[in-house]
Amino acid sequence: MFIAISVIIFIVAIILGAVVLVQNSKGGGLASGFSSSAQIMGVRKTTDLLEKLTWGFGIALFVLSILGSFSMPTVVDTNSPSSQESIIQKQLDNSAGVSPGVLPQDPPPPAPTTTPTE
């Protein structure tokens, strides 16, 4: 489910970017090509359509992002009795026996062995 929502989010984001790029910040954009009055959709209608598409795709992207966060798979650690415990908390629990100022020491080197000579 998460992969399907992610693909839909990607498609909506691409379409939203295209719709925003078609618009012109000065009111022209796609509507500037429709200057004749005989058009089915006039300049104002095209601007309204692009604005509605921008809002629609923006809201869809927002809703799909929230749905995607809820459908995200969780990682379950089978080695831990509590799968909700954080990794940092596990590391703190494992290092609880070591005092903060003491570093682990290397074992002393082995004593030299001498072989008796005859």
PDB file of N, CA and C in Angstrom:
ATOM      1  N   MET A   1       0.822  -1.187   0.000  1.00  0.00           N
ATOM      2  CA  MET A   1       0.000   0.000   0.000  1.00  0.00           C
ATOM      3  C   MET A   1       0.871   1.259   0.000  1.00  0.00           C
ATOM      4  N   PHE A   2       1.963   1.203   0.769  1.00  0.00           N
ATOM      5  CA  PHE A   2       2.856   2.351   0.866  1.00  0.00           C
ATOM      6  C   PHE A   2       3.489   2.669  -0.485  1.00  0.00           C
ATOM      7  N   ILE A   3       3.850   1.643  -1.228  1.00  0.00           N
ATOM      8  CA  ILE A   3       4.479   1.859  -2.540  1.00  0.00           C
ATOM      9  C   ILE A   3       3.478   2.482  -3.509  1.00  0.00           C
ATOM     10  N   ALA A   4       2.236   2.022  -3.473  1.00  0.00           N
ATOM     11  CA  ALA A   4       1.213   2.581  -4.358  1.00  0.00           C
ATOM     12  C   ALA A   4       0.971   4.058  -4.042  1.00  0.00           C
ATOM     13  N   ILE A   5       0.891   4.391  -2.758  1.00  0.00           N
ATOM     14  CA  ILE A   5       0.691   5.787  -2.373  1.00  0.00           C
ATOM     15  C   ILE A   5       1.905   6.624  -2.762  1.00  0.00           C
ATOM     16  N   SER A   6       3.094   6.059  -2.624  1.00  0.00           N
ATOM     17  CA  SER A   6       4.301   6.795  -3.008  1.00  0.00           C
ATOM     18  C   SER A   6       4.327   7.090  -4.506  1.00  0.00           C
ATOM     19  N   VAL A   7       3.904   6.142  -5.308  1.00  0.00           N
ATOM     20  CA  VAL A   7       3.863   6.352  -6.761  1.00  0.00           C
ATOM     21  C   VAL A   7       2.834   7.425  -7.107  1.00  0.00           C
ATOM     22  N   ILE A   8       1.675   7.385  -6.455  1.00  0.00           N
ATOM     23  CA  ILE A   8       0.643   8.395  -6.709  1.00  0.00           C
ATOM     24  C   ILE A   8       1.133   9.776  -6.274  1.00  0.00           C
ATOM     25  N   ILE A   9       1.837   9.850  -5.138  1.00  0.00           N
ATOM     26  CA  ILE A   9       2.396  11.127  -4.679  1.00  0.00           C
ATOM     27  C   ILE A   9       3.371  11.674  -5.710  1.00  0.00           C
ATOM     28  N   PHE A  10       4.210  10.805  -6.260  1.00  0.00           N
ATOM     29  CA  PHE A  10       5.181  11.227  -7.268  1.00  0.00           C
ATOM     30  C   PHE A  10       4.476  11.773  -8.506  1.00  0.00           C
ATOM     31  N   ILE A  11       3.434  11.091  -8.965  1.00  0.00           N
ATOM     32  CA  ILE A  11       2.702  11.528 -10.163  1.00  0.00           C
ATOM     33  C   ILE A  11       2.006  12.864  -9.908  1.00  0.00           C
ATOM     34  N   VAL A  12       1.360  12.993  -8.737  1.00  0.00           N
ATOM     35  CA  VAL A  12       0.661  14.241  -8.404  1.00  0.00           C
ATOM     36  C   VAL A  12       1.660  15.392  -8.295  1.00  0.00           C
ATOM     37  N   ALA A  13       2.831  15.134  -7.739  1.00  0.00           N
ATOM     38  CA  ALA A  13       3.836  16.188  -7.611  1.00  0.00           C
ATOM     39  C   ALA A  13       4.324  16.655  -8.981  1.00  0.00           C
ATOM     40  N   ILE A  14       4.516  15.735  -9.900  1.00  0.00           N
ATOM     41  CA  ILE A  14       4.945  16.100 -11.261  1.00  0.00           C
ATOM     42  C   ILE A  14       3.862  16.935 -11.954  1.00  0.00           C
ATOM     43  N   ILE A  15       2.603  16.502 -11.836  1.00  0.00           N
ATOM     44  CA  ILE A  15       1.513  17.237 -12.473  1.00  0.00           C
ATOM     45  C   ILE A  15       1.346  18.619 -11.836  1.00  0.00           C
ATOM     46  N   LEU A  16       1.468  18.677 -10.499  1.00  0.00           N
ATOM     47  CA  LEU A  16       1.357  19.973  -9.812  1.00  0.00           C
ATOM     48  C   LEU A  16       2.466  20.917 -10.271  1.00  0.00           C
ATOM     49  N   GLY A  17       3.670  20.410 -10.414  1.00  0.00           N
ATOM     50  CA  GLY A  17       4.769  21.245 -10.913  1.00  0.00           C
ATOM     51  C   GLY A  17       4.505  21.755 -12.313  1.00  0.00           C
ATOM     52  N   ALA A  18       3.934  20.892 -13.169  1.00  0.00           N
ATOM     53  CA  ALA A  18       3.626  21.307 -14.538  1.00  0.00           C
ATOM     54  C   ALA A  18       2.535  22.374 -14.554  1.00  0.00           C
ATOM     55  N   VAL A  19       1.516  22.205 -13.720  1.00  0.00           N
ATOM     56  CA  VAL A  19       0.422  23.184 -13.676  1.00  0.00           C
ATOM     57  C   VAL A  19       0.937  24.523 -13.177  1.00  0.00           C
ATOM     58  N   VAL A  20       1.799  24.511 -12.191  1.00  0.00           N
ATOM     59  CA  VAL A  20       2.347  25.757 -11.666  1.00  0.00           C
ATOM     60  C   VAL A  20       3.235  26.434 -12.711  1.00  0.00           C
ATOM     61  N   LEU A  21       4.000  25.658 -13.444  1.00  0.00           N
ATOM     62  CA  LEU A  21       4.873  26.238 -14.462  1.00  0.00           C
ATOM     63  C   LEU A  21       4.099  26.811 -15.645  1.00  0.00           C
ATOM     64  N   VAL A  22       2.909  26.280 -15.910  1.00  0.00           N
ATOM     65  CA  VAL A  22       2.093  26.798 -17.011  1.00  0.00           C
ATOM     66  C   VAL A  22       1.580  28.190 -16.669  1.00  0.00           C
ATOM     67  N   GLN A  23       1.342  28.448 -15.404  1.00  0.00           N
ATOM     68  CA  GLN A  23       0.823  29.751 -14.988  1.00  0.00           C
ATOM     69  C   GLN A  23       1.903  30.817 -15.133  1.00  0.00           C
ATOM     70  N   ASN A  24       1.473  32.021 -15.408  1.00  0.00           N
ATOM     71  CA  ASN A  24       2.374  33.147 -15.483  1.00  0.00           C
ATOM     72  C   ASN A  24       2.106  34.040 -14.273  1.00  0.00           C
ATOM     73  N   SER A  25       3.151  34.473 -13.638  1.00  0.00           N
ATOM     74  CA  SER A  25       2.965  35.265 -12.423  1.00  0.00           C
ATOM     75  C   SER A  25       2.319  36.619 -12.699  1.00  0.00           C
ATOM     76  N   LYS A  26       2.340  37.069 -13.945  1.00  0.00           N
ATOM     77  CA  LYS A  26       1.753  38.373 -14.277  1.00  0.00           C
ATOM     78  C   LYS A  26       0.352  38.233 -14.862  1.00  0.00           C
ATOM     79  N   GLY A  27      -0.224  37.048 -14.778  1.00  0.00           N
ATOM     80  CA  GLY A  27      -1.589  36.866 -15.256  1.00  0.00           C
ATOM     81  C   GLY A  27      -1.673  36.363 -16.679  1.00  0.00           C
ATOM     82  N   GLY A  28      -0.559  36.118 -17.328  1.00  0.00           N
ATOM     83  CA  GLY A  28      -0.584  35.638 -18.706  1.00  0.00           C
ATOM     84  C   GLY A  28      -0.582  34.121 -18.726  1.00  0.00           C
ATOM     85  N   GLY A  29       0.565  33.535 -18.900  1.00  0.00           N
ATOM     86  CA  GLY A  29       0.713  32.083 -18.894  1.00  0.00           C
ATOM     87  C   GLY A  29      -0.030  31.438 -20.038  1.00  0.00           C
ATOM     88  N   LEU A  30      -0.714  30.355 -19.735  1.00  0.00           N
ATOM     89  CA  LEU A  30      -1.486  29.633 -20.740  1.00  0.00           C
ATOM     90  C   LEU A  30      -2.617  30.502 -21.273  1.00  0.00           C
ATOM     91  N   ALA A  31      -3.152  31.337 -20.428  1.00  0.00           N
ATOM     92  CA  ALA A  31      -4.267  32.191 -20.836  1.00  0.00           C
ATOM     93  C   ALA A  31      -3.851  33.243 -21.851  1.00  0.00           C
ATOM     94  N   SER A  32      -2.584  33.595 -21.951  1.00  0.00           N
ATOM     95  CA  SER A  32      -2.157  34.644 -22.877  1.00  0.00           C
ATOM     96  C   SER A  32      -2.301  34.223 -24.336  1.00  0.00           C
ATOM     97  N   GLY A  33      -2.319  32.924 -24.600  1.00  0.00           N
ATOM     98  CA  GLY A  33      -2.491  32.454 -25.971  1.00  0.00           C
ATOM     99  C   GLY A  33      -3.925  32.528 -26.442  1.00  0.00           C
ATOM    100  N   PHE A  34      -4.870  32.688 -25.544  1.00  0.00           N
ATOM    101  CA  PHE A  34      -6.283  32.712 -25.893  1.00  0.00           C
ATOM    102  C   PHE A  34      -6.803  34.145 -25.868  1.00  0.00           C
ATOM    103  N   SER A  35      -6.321  34.946 -26.759  1.00  0.00           N
ATOM    104  CA  SER A  35      -6.700  36.358 -26.728  1.00  0.00           C
ATOM    105  C   SER A  35      -7.950  36.652 -27.535  1.00  0.00           C
ATOM    106  N   SER A  36      -8.371  35.735 -28.393  1.00  0.00           N
ATOM    107  CA  SER A  36      -9.567  36.041 -29.193  1.00  0.00           C
ATOM    108  C   SER A  36     -10.816  35.810 -28.358  1.00  0.00           C
ATOM    109  N   SER A  37     -11.841  36.548 -28.672  1.00  0.00           N
ATOM    110  CA  SER A  37     -13.072  36.474 -27.885  1.00  0.00           C
ATOM    111  C   SER A  37     -13.955  35.307 -28.319  1.00  0.00           C
ATOM    112  N   ALA A  38     -13.592  34.586 -29.364  1.00  0.00           N
ATOM    113  CA  ALA A  38     -14.416  33.499 -29.865  1.00  0.00           C
ATOM    114  C   ALA A  38     -14.067  32.158 -29.208  1.00  0.00           C
ATOM    115  N   GLN A  39     -13.199  32.182 -28.274  1.00  0.00           N
ATOM    116  CA  GLN A  39     -12.796  30.939 -27.608  1.00  0.00           C
ATOM    117  C   GLN A  39     -13.908  30.442 -26.696  1.00  0.00           C
ATOM    118  N   ILE A  40     -13.945  29.128 -26.504  1.00  0.00           N
ATOM    119  CA  ILE A  40     -14.936  28.547 -25.598  1.00  0.00           C
ATOM    120  C   ILE A  40     -14.613  28.954 -24.160  1.00  0.00           C
ATOM    121  N   MET A  41     -13.350  28.851 -23.816  1.00  0.00           N
ATOM    122  CA  MET A  41     -12.917  29.285 -22.492  1.00  0.00           C
ATOM    123  C   MET A  41     -12.149  30.577 -22.674  1.00  0.00           C
ATOM    124  N   GLY A  42     -12.576  31.605 -22.060  1.00  0.00           N
ATOM    125  CA  GLY A  42     -11.885  32.880 -22.176  1.00  0.00           C
ATOM    126  C   GLY A  42     -10.664  32.919 -21.288  1.00  0.00           C
ATOM    127  N   VAL A  43     -10.015  34.061 -21.221  1.00  0.00           N
ATOM    128  CA  VAL A  43      -8.810  34.234 -20.428  1.00  0.00           C
ATOM    129  C   VAL A  43      -9.111  34.004 -18.958  1.00  0.00           C
ATOM    130  N   ARG A  44     -10.204  34.543 -18.492  1.00  0.00           N
ATOM    131  CA  ARG A  44     -10.553  34.428 -17.081  1.00  0.00           C
ATOM    132  C   ARG A  44     -10.858  32.976 -16.718  1.00  0.00           C
ATOM    133  N   LYS A  45     -11.540  32.249 -17.597  1.00  0.00           N
ATOM    134  CA  LYS A  45     -11.893  30.847 -17.324  1.00  0.00           C
ATOM    135  C   LYS A  45     -10.640  29.979 -17.244  1.00  0.00           C
ATOM    136  N   THR A  46      -9.656  30.236 -18.107  1.00  0.00           N
ATOM    137  CA  THR A  46      -8.423  29.459 -18.079  1.00  0.00           C
ATOM    138  C   THR A  46      -7.667  29.707 -16.782  1.00  0.00           C
ATOM    139  N   THR A  47      -7.621  30.944 -16.350  1.00  0.00           N
ATOM    140  CA  THR A  47      -6.952  31.272 -15.096  1.00  0.00           C
ATOM    141  C   THR A  47      -7.661  30.611 -13.931  1.00  0.00           C
ATOM    142  N   ASP A  48      -8.993  30.612 -13.948  1.00  0.00           N
ATOM    143  CA  ASP A  48      -9.750  29.947 -12.892  1.00  0.00           C
ATOM    144  C   ASP A  48      -9.476  28.451 -12.885  1.00  0.00           C
ATOM    145  N   LEU A  49      -9.422  27.845 -14.070  1.00  0.00           N
ATOM    146  CA  LEU A  49      -9.165  26.407 -14.165  1.00  0.00           C
ATOM    147  C   LEU A  49      -7.778  26.070 -13.613  1.00  0.00           C
ATOM    148  N   LEU A  50      -6.770  26.847 -14.005  1.00  0.00           N
ATOM    149  CA  LEU A  50      -5.418  26.575 -13.517  1.00  0.00           C
ATOM    150  C   LEU A  50      -5.315  26.772 -12.009  1.00  0.00           C
ATOM    151  N   GLU A  51      -6.032  27.766 -11.490  1.00  0.00           N
ATOM    152  CA  GLU A  51      -6.014  27.979 -10.043  1.00  0.00           C
ATOM    153  C   GLU A  51      -6.700  26.822  -9.311  1.00  0.00           C
ATOM    154  N   LYS A  52      -7.812  26.345  -9.851  1.00  0.00           N
ATOM    155  CA  LYS A  52      -8.509  25.212  -9.230  1.00  0.00           C
ATOM    156  C   LYS A  52      -7.666  23.937  -9.309  1.00  0.00           C
ATOM    157  N   LEU A  53      -6.994  23.743 -10.440  1.00  0.00           N
ATOM    158  CA  LEU A  53      -6.114  22.568 -10.559  1.00  0.00           C
ATOM    159  C   LEU A  53      -4.953  22.652  -9.571  1.00  0.00           C
ATOM    160  N   THR A  54      -4.386  23.835  -9.395  1.00  0.00           N
ATOM    161  CA  THR A  54      -3.289  24.011  -8.441  1.00  0.00           C
ATOM    162  C   THR A  54      -3.747  23.686  -7.031  1.00  0.00           C
ATOM    163  N   TRP A  55      -4.887  24.235  -6.634  1.00  0.00           N
ATOM    164  CA  TRP A  55      -5.407  23.950  -5.298  1.00  0.00           C
ATOM    165  C   TRP A  55      -5.743  22.465  -5.140  1.00  0.00           C
ATOM    166  N   GLY A  56      -6.362  21.885  -6.159  1.00  0.00           N
ATOM    167  CA  GLY A  56      -6.749  20.468  -6.093  1.00  0.00           C
ATOM    168  C   GLY A  56      -5.552  19.541  -5.960  1.00  0.00           C
ATOM    169  N   PHE A  57      -4.545  19.763  -6.806  1.00  0.00           N
ATOM    170  CA  PHE A  57      -3.356  18.917  -6.729  1.00  0.00           C
ATOM    171  C   PHE A  57      -2.566  19.176  -5.449  1.00  0.00           C
ATOM    172  N   GLY A  58      -2.561  20.416  -4.961  1.00  0.00           N
ATOM    173  CA  GLY A  58      -1.881  20.717  -3.703  1.00  0.00           C
ATOM    174  C   GLY A  58      -2.542  20.011  -2.528  1.00  0.00           C
ATOM    175  N   ILE A  59      -3.871  20.052  -2.484  1.00  0.00           N
ATOM    176  CA  ILE A  59      -4.598  19.363  -1.412  1.00  0.00           C
ATOM    177  C   ILE A  59      -4.419  17.853  -1.532  1.00  0.00           C
ATOM    178  N   ALA A  60      -4.463  17.337  -2.757  1.00  0.00           N
ATOM    179  CA  ALA A  60      -4.263  15.902  -2.963  1.00  0.00           C
ATOM    180  C   ALA A  60      -2.874  15.476  -2.500  1.00  0.00           C
ATOM    181  N   LEU A  61      -1.872  16.278  -2.787  1.00  0.00           N
ATOM    182  CA  LEU A  61      -0.513  15.963  -2.360  1.00  0.00           C
ATOM    183  C   LEU A  61      -0.409  15.957  -0.840  1.00  0.00           C
ATOM    184  N   PHE A  62      -1.057  16.912  -0.193  1.00  0.00           N
ATOM    185  CA  PHE A  62      -1.060  16.985   1.272  1.00  0.00           C
ATOM    186  C   PHE A  62      -1.734  15.753   1.882  1.00  0.00           C
ATOM    187  N   VAL A  63      -2.907  15.402   1.385  1.00  0.00           N
ATOM    188  CA  VAL A  63      -3.656  14.255   1.923  1.00  0.00           C
ATOM    189  C   VAL A  63      -2.907  12.953   1.663  1.00  0.00           C
ATOM    190  N   LEU A  64      -2.372  12.799   0.462  1.00  0.00           N
ATOM    191  CA  LEU A  64      -1.629  11.573   0.153  1.00  0.00           C
ATOM    192  C   LEU A  64      -0.362  11.452   0.994  1.00  0.00           C
ATOM    193  N   SER A  65       0.267  12.565   1.310  1.00  0.00           N
ATOM    194  CA  SER A  65       1.456  12.521   2.165  1.00  0.00           C
ATOM    195  C   SER A  65       1.111  12.054   3.569  1.00  0.00           C
ATOM    196  N   ILE A  66      -0.006  12.523   4.080  1.00  0.00           N
ATOM    197  CA  ILE A  66      -0.440  12.072   5.411  1.00  0.00           C
ATOM    198  C   ILE A  66      -0.817  10.596   5.370  1.00  0.00           C
ATOM    199  N   LEU A  67      -1.541  10.166   4.343  1.00  0.00           N
ATOM    200  CA  LEU A  67      -1.883   8.745   4.223  1.00  0.00           C
ATOM    201  C   LEU A  67      -0.629   7.886   4.078  1.00  0.00           C
ATOM    202  N   GLY A  68       0.351   8.392   3.354  1.00  0.00           N
ATOM    203  CA  GLY A  68       1.593   7.653   3.188  1.00  0.00           C
ATOM    204  C   GLY A  68       2.349   7.487   4.495  1.00  0.00           C
ATOM    205  N   SER A  69       2.294   8.504   5.345  1.00  0.00           N
ATOM    206  CA  SER A  69       2.989   8.391   6.630  1.00  0.00           C
ATOM    207  C   SER A  69       2.306   7.378   7.544  1.00  0.00           C
ATOM    208  N   PHE A  70       0.985   7.241   7.433  1.00  0.00           N
ATOM    209  CA  PHE A  70       0.288   6.245   8.247  1.00  0.00           C
ATOM    210  C   PHE A  70       0.463   4.834   7.712  1.00  0.00           C
ATOM    211  N   SER A  71       0.664   4.686   6.414  1.00  0.00           N
ATOM    212  CA  SER A  71       0.800   3.352   5.835  1.00  0.00           C
ATOM    213  C   SER A  71       2.259   2.912   5.728  1.00  0.00           C
ATOM    214  N   MET A  72       3.184   3.698   6.264  1.00  0.00           N
ATOM    215  CA  MET A  72       4.596   3.359   6.194  1.00  0.00           C
ATOM    216  C   MET A  72       4.872   2.097   7.015  1.00  0.00           C
ATOM    217  N   PRO A  73       5.598   1.155   6.434  1.00  0.00           N
ATOM    218  CA  PRO A  73       5.879  -0.078   7.184  1.00  0.00           C
ATOM    219  C   PRO A  73       6.814   0.198   8.353  1.00  0.00           C
ATOM    220  N   THR A  74       6.623  -0.561   9.425  1.00  0.00           N
ATOM    221  CA  THR A  74       7.472  -0.421  10.605  1.00  0.00           C
ATOM    222  C   THR A  74       8.503  -1.532  10.610  1.00  0.00           C
ATOM    223  N   VAL A  75       9.661  -1.253  11.145  1.00  0.00           N
ATOM    224  CA  VAL A  75      10.722  -2.236  11.243  1.00  0.00           C
ATOM    225  C   VAL A  75      10.575  -2.933  12.586  1.00  0.00           C
ATOM    226  N   VAL A  76      10.473  -4.250  12.549  1.00  0.00           N
ATOM    227  CA  VAL A  76      10.307  -5.017  13.774  1.00  0.00           C
ATOM    228  C   VAL A  76      11.609  -5.742  14.056  1.00  0.00           C
ATOM    229  N   ASP A  77      12.125  -5.533  15.253  1.00  0.00           N
ATOM    230  CA  ASP A  77      13.347  -6.202  15.686  1.00  0.00           C
ATOM    231  C   ASP A  77      12.945  -7.448  16.457  1.00  0.00           C
ATOM    232  N   THR A  78      13.225  -8.613  15.887  1.00  0.00           N
ATOM    233  CA  THR A  78      12.815  -9.858  16.537  1.00  0.00           C
ATOM    234  C   THR A  78      13.731 -10.235  17.688  1.00  0.00           C
ATOM    235  N   ASN A  79      14.892  -9.613  17.810  1.00  0.00           N
ATOM    236  CA  ASN A  79      15.810  -9.922  18.898  1.00  0.00           C
ATOM    237  C   ASN A  79      15.403  -9.232  20.199  1.00  0.00           C
ATOM    238  N   SER A  80      14.574  -8.234  20.117  1.00  0.00           N
ATOM    239  CA  SER A  80      14.202  -7.453  21.288  1.00  0.00           C
ATOM    240  C   SER A  80      12.825  -7.867  21.781  1.00  0.00           C
ATOM    241  N   PRO A  81      12.652  -7.967  23.095  1.00  0.00           N
ATOM    242  CA  PRO A  81      11.313  -8.285  23.593  1.00  0.00           C
ATOM    243  C   PRO A  81      10.333  -7.150  23.344  1.00  0.00           C
ATOM    244  N   SER A  82      10.810  -5.939  23.304  1.00  0.00           N
ATOM    245  CA  SER A  82       9.950  -4.787  23.047  1.00  0.00           C
ATOM    246  C   SER A  82      10.346  -4.194  21.705  1.00  0.00           C
ATOM    247  N   SER A  83       9.485  -4.323  20.697  1.00  0.00           N
ATOM    248  CA  SER A  83       9.829  -3.825  19.361  1.00  0.00           C
ATOM    249  C   SER A  83       9.696  -2.311  19.271  1.00  0.00           C
ATOM    250  N   GLN A  84       9.093  -1.669  20.243  1.00  0.00           N
ATOM    251  CA  GLN A  84       8.906  -0.221  20.219  1.00  0.00           C
ATOM    252  C   GLN A  84      10.077   0.522  20.855  1.00  0.00           C
ATOM    253  N   GLU A  85      11.055  -0.193  21.390  1.00  0.00           N
ATOM    254  CA  GLU A  85      12.185   0.433  22.065  1.00  0.00           C
ATOM    255  C   GLU A  85      13.141   1.010  21.025  1.00  0.00           C
ATOM    256  N   SER A  86      13.662   2.173  21.292  1.00  0.00           N
ATOM    257  CA  SER A  86      14.531   2.818  20.324  1.00  0.00           C
ATOM    258  C   SER A  86      15.932   2.217  20.364  1.00  0.00           C
ATOM    259  N   ILE A  87      16.665   2.395  19.290  1.00  0.00           N
ATOM    260  CA  ILE A  87      18.024   1.878  19.187  1.00  0.00           C
ATOM    261  C   ILE A  87      18.931   2.584  20.187  1.00  0.00           C
ATOM    262  N   ILE A  88      18.730   3.880  20.366  1.00  0.00           N
ATOM    263  CA  ILE A  88      19.563   4.637  21.311  1.00  0.00           C
ATOM    264  C   ILE A  88      19.321   4.140  22.736  1.00  0.00           C
ATOM    265  N   GLN A  89      18.052   3.851  23.068  1.00  0.00           N
ATOM    266  CA  GLN A  89      17.753   3.350  24.401  1.00  0.00           C
ATOM    267  C   GLN A  89      18.392   1.982  24.614  1.00  0.00           C
ATOM    268  N   LYS A  90      18.412   1.149  23.589  1.00  0.00           N
ATOM    269  CA  LYS A  90      19.062  -0.168  23.699  1.00  0.00           C
ATOM    270  C   LYS A  90      20.553  -0.007  23.962  1.00  0.00           C
ATOM    271  N   GLN A  91      21.195   0.929  23.262  1.00  0.00           N
ATOM    272  CA  GLN A  91      22.622   1.146  23.471  1.00  0.00           C
ATOM    273  C   GLN A  91      22.895   1.681  24.872  1.00  0.00           C
ATOM    274  N   LEU A  92      22.033   2.546  25.371  1.00  0.00           N
ATOM    275  CA  LEU A  92      22.200   3.053  26.734  1.00  0.00           C
ATOM    276  C   LEU A  92      22.039   1.933  27.759  1.00  0.00           C
ATOM    277  N   ASP A  93      21.076   1.048  27.523  1.00  0.00           N
ATOM    278  CA  ASP A  93      20.866  -0.067  28.440  1.00  0.00           C
ATOM    279  C   ASP A  93      22.051  -1.031  28.422  1.00  0.00           C
ATOM    280  N   ASN A  94      22.627  -1.258  27.248  1.00  0.00           N
ATOM    281  CA  ASN A  94      23.758  -2.177  27.141  1.00  0.00           C
ATOM    282  C   ASN A  94      25.014  -1.607  27.796  1.00  0.00           C
ATOM    283  N   SER A  95      25.167  -0.303  27.791  1.00  0.00           N
ATOM    284  CA  SER A  95      26.364   0.305  28.358  1.00  0.00           C
ATOM    285  C   SER A  95      26.139   0.783  29.793  1.00  0.00           C
ATOM    286  N   ALA A  96      25.067   0.355  30.443  1.00  0.00           N
ATOM    287  CA  ALA A  96      24.756   0.819  31.793  1.00  0.00           C
ATOM    288  C   ALA A  96      25.776   0.316  32.809  1.00  0.00           C
ATOM    289  N   GLY A  97      26.411  -0.835  32.567  1.00  0.00           N
ATOM    290  CA  GLY A  97      27.383  -1.391  33.509  1.00  0.00           C
ATOM    291  C   GLY A  97      28.719  -0.695  33.461  1.00  0.00           C
ATOM    292  N   VAL A  98      29.015   0.068  32.457  1.00  0.00           N
ATOM    293  CA  VAL A  98      30.301   0.742  32.306  1.00  0.00           C
ATOM    294  C   VAL A  98      30.170   2.153  32.859  1.00  0.00           C
ATOM    295  N   SER A  99      31.071   2.525  33.774  1.00  0.00           N
ATOM    296  CA  SER A  99      31.017   3.889  34.299  1.00  0.00           C
ATOM    297  C   SER A  99      31.573   4.844  33.249  1.00  0.00           C
ATOM    298  N   PRO A 100      31.085   6.091  33.197  1.00  0.00           N
ATOM    299  CA  PRO A 100      31.451   7.005  32.124  1.00  0.00           C
ATOM    300  C   PRO A 100      32.920   7.365  32.064  1.00  0.00           C
ATOM    301  N   GLY A 101      33.647   7.377  33.202  1.00  0.00           N
ATOM    302  CA  GLY A 101      35.045   7.797  33.184  1.00  0.00           C
ATOM    303  C   GLY A 101      36.022   6.672  32.931  1.00  0.00           C
ATOM    304  N   VAL A 102      35.553   5.441  32.943  1.00  0.00           N
ATOM    305  CA  VAL A 102      36.451   4.301  32.811  1.00  0.00           C
ATOM    306  C   VAL A 102      36.331   3.731  31.408  1.00  0.00           C
ATOM    307  N   LEU A 103      37.474   3.626  30.770  1.00  0.00           N
ATOM    308  CA  LEU A 103      37.503   3.020  29.446  1.00  0.00           C
ATOM    309  C   LEU A 103      37.921   1.567  29.578  1.00  0.00           C
ATOM    310  N   PRO A 104      37.425   0.707  28.733  1.00  0.00           N
ATOM    311  CA  PRO A 104      37.840  -0.699  28.823  1.00  0.00           C
ATOM    312  C   PRO A 104      39.334  -0.828  28.510  1.00  0.00           C
ATOM    313  N   GLN A 105      40.003  -1.684  29.269  1.00  0.00           N
ATOM    314  CA  GLN A 105      41.450  -1.884  29.131  1.00  0.00           C
ATOM    315  C   GLN A 105      41.710  -3.128  28.285  1.00  0.00           C
ATOM    316  N   ASP A 106      42.835  -3.085  27.598  1.00  0.00           N
ATOM    317  CA  ASP A 106      43.279  -4.288  26.902  1.00  0.00           C
ATOM    318  C   ASP A 106      43.812  -5.260  27.942  1.00  0.00           C
ATOM    319  N   PRO A 107      43.692  -6.555  27.692  1.00  0.00           N
ATOM    320  CA  PRO A 107      44.247  -7.515  28.658  1.00  0.00           C
ATOM    321  C   PRO A 107      45.775  -7.392  28.679  1.00  0.00           C
ATOM    322  N   PRO A 108      46.378  -7.685  29.813  1.00  0.00           N
ATOM    323  CA  PRO A 108      47.848  -7.568  29.884  1.00  0.00           C
ATOM    324  C   PRO A 108      48.500  -8.551  28.924  1.00  0.00           C
ATOM    325  N   PRO A 109      49.669  -8.220  28.450  1.00  0.00           N
ATOM    326  CA  PRO A 109      50.346  -9.141  27.523  1.00  0.00           C
ATOM    327  C   PRO A 109      50.740 -10.413  28.262  1.00  0.00           C
ATOM    328  N   PRO A 110      50.793 -11.496  27.543  1.00  0.00           N
ATOM    329  CA  PRO A 110      51.154 -12.759  28.200  1.00  0.00           C
ATOM    330  C   PRO A 110      52.614 -12.707  28.695  1.00  0.00           C
ATOM    331  N   ALA A 111      52.838 -13.413  29.771  1.00  0.00           N
ATOM    332  CA  ALA A 111      54.196 -13.469  30.342  1.00  0.00           C
ATOM    333  C   ALA A 111      55.111 -14.205  29.388  1.00  0.00           C
ATOM    334  N   PRO A 112      56.361 -13.762  29.308  1.00  0.00           N
ATOM    335  CA  PRO A 112      57.281 -14.475  28.391  1.00  0.00           C
ATOM    336  C   PRO A 112      57.545 -15.881  28.926  1.00  0.00           C
ATOM    337  N   THR A 113      57.546 -16.760  28.019  1.00  0.00           N
ATOM    338  CA  THR A 113      57.801 -18.148  28.395  1.00  0.00           C
ATOM    339  C   THR A 113      59.247 -18.493  28.059  1.00  0.00           C
ATOM    340  N   THR A 114      59.892 -19.123  28.988  1.00  0.00           N
ATOM    341  CA  THR A 114      61.271 -19.540  28.755  1.00  0.00           C
ATOM    342  C   THR A 114      61.318 -21.053  28.746  1.00  0.00           C
ATOM    343  N   THR A 115      62.080 -21.544  27.876  1.00  0.00           N
ATOM    344  CA  THR A 115      62.222 -23.012  27.816  1.00  0.00           C
ATOM    345  C   THR A 115      63.531 -23.391  28.503  1.00  0.00           C
ATOM    346  N   PRO A 116      63.475 -24.357  29.365  1.00  0.00           N
ATOM    347  CA  PRO A 116      64.733 -24.752  30.035  1.00  0.00           C
ATOM    348  C   PRO A 116      65.724 -25.342  29.034  1.00  0.00           C
ATOM    349  N   THR A 117      66.922 -24.965  29.159  1.00  0.00           N
ATOM    350  CA  THR A 117      67.965 -25.480  28.290  1.00  0.00           C
ATOM    351  C   THR A 117      68.769 -26.527  29.031  1.00  0.00           C
ATOM    352  N   GLU A 118      69.201 -27.559  28.413  1.00  0.00           N
ATOM    353  CA  GLU A 118      69.945 -28.609  29.069  1.00  0.00           C
ATOM    354  C   GLU A 118      71.398 -28.501  28.895  1.00  0.00           C
TER     355      GLU A 118
END
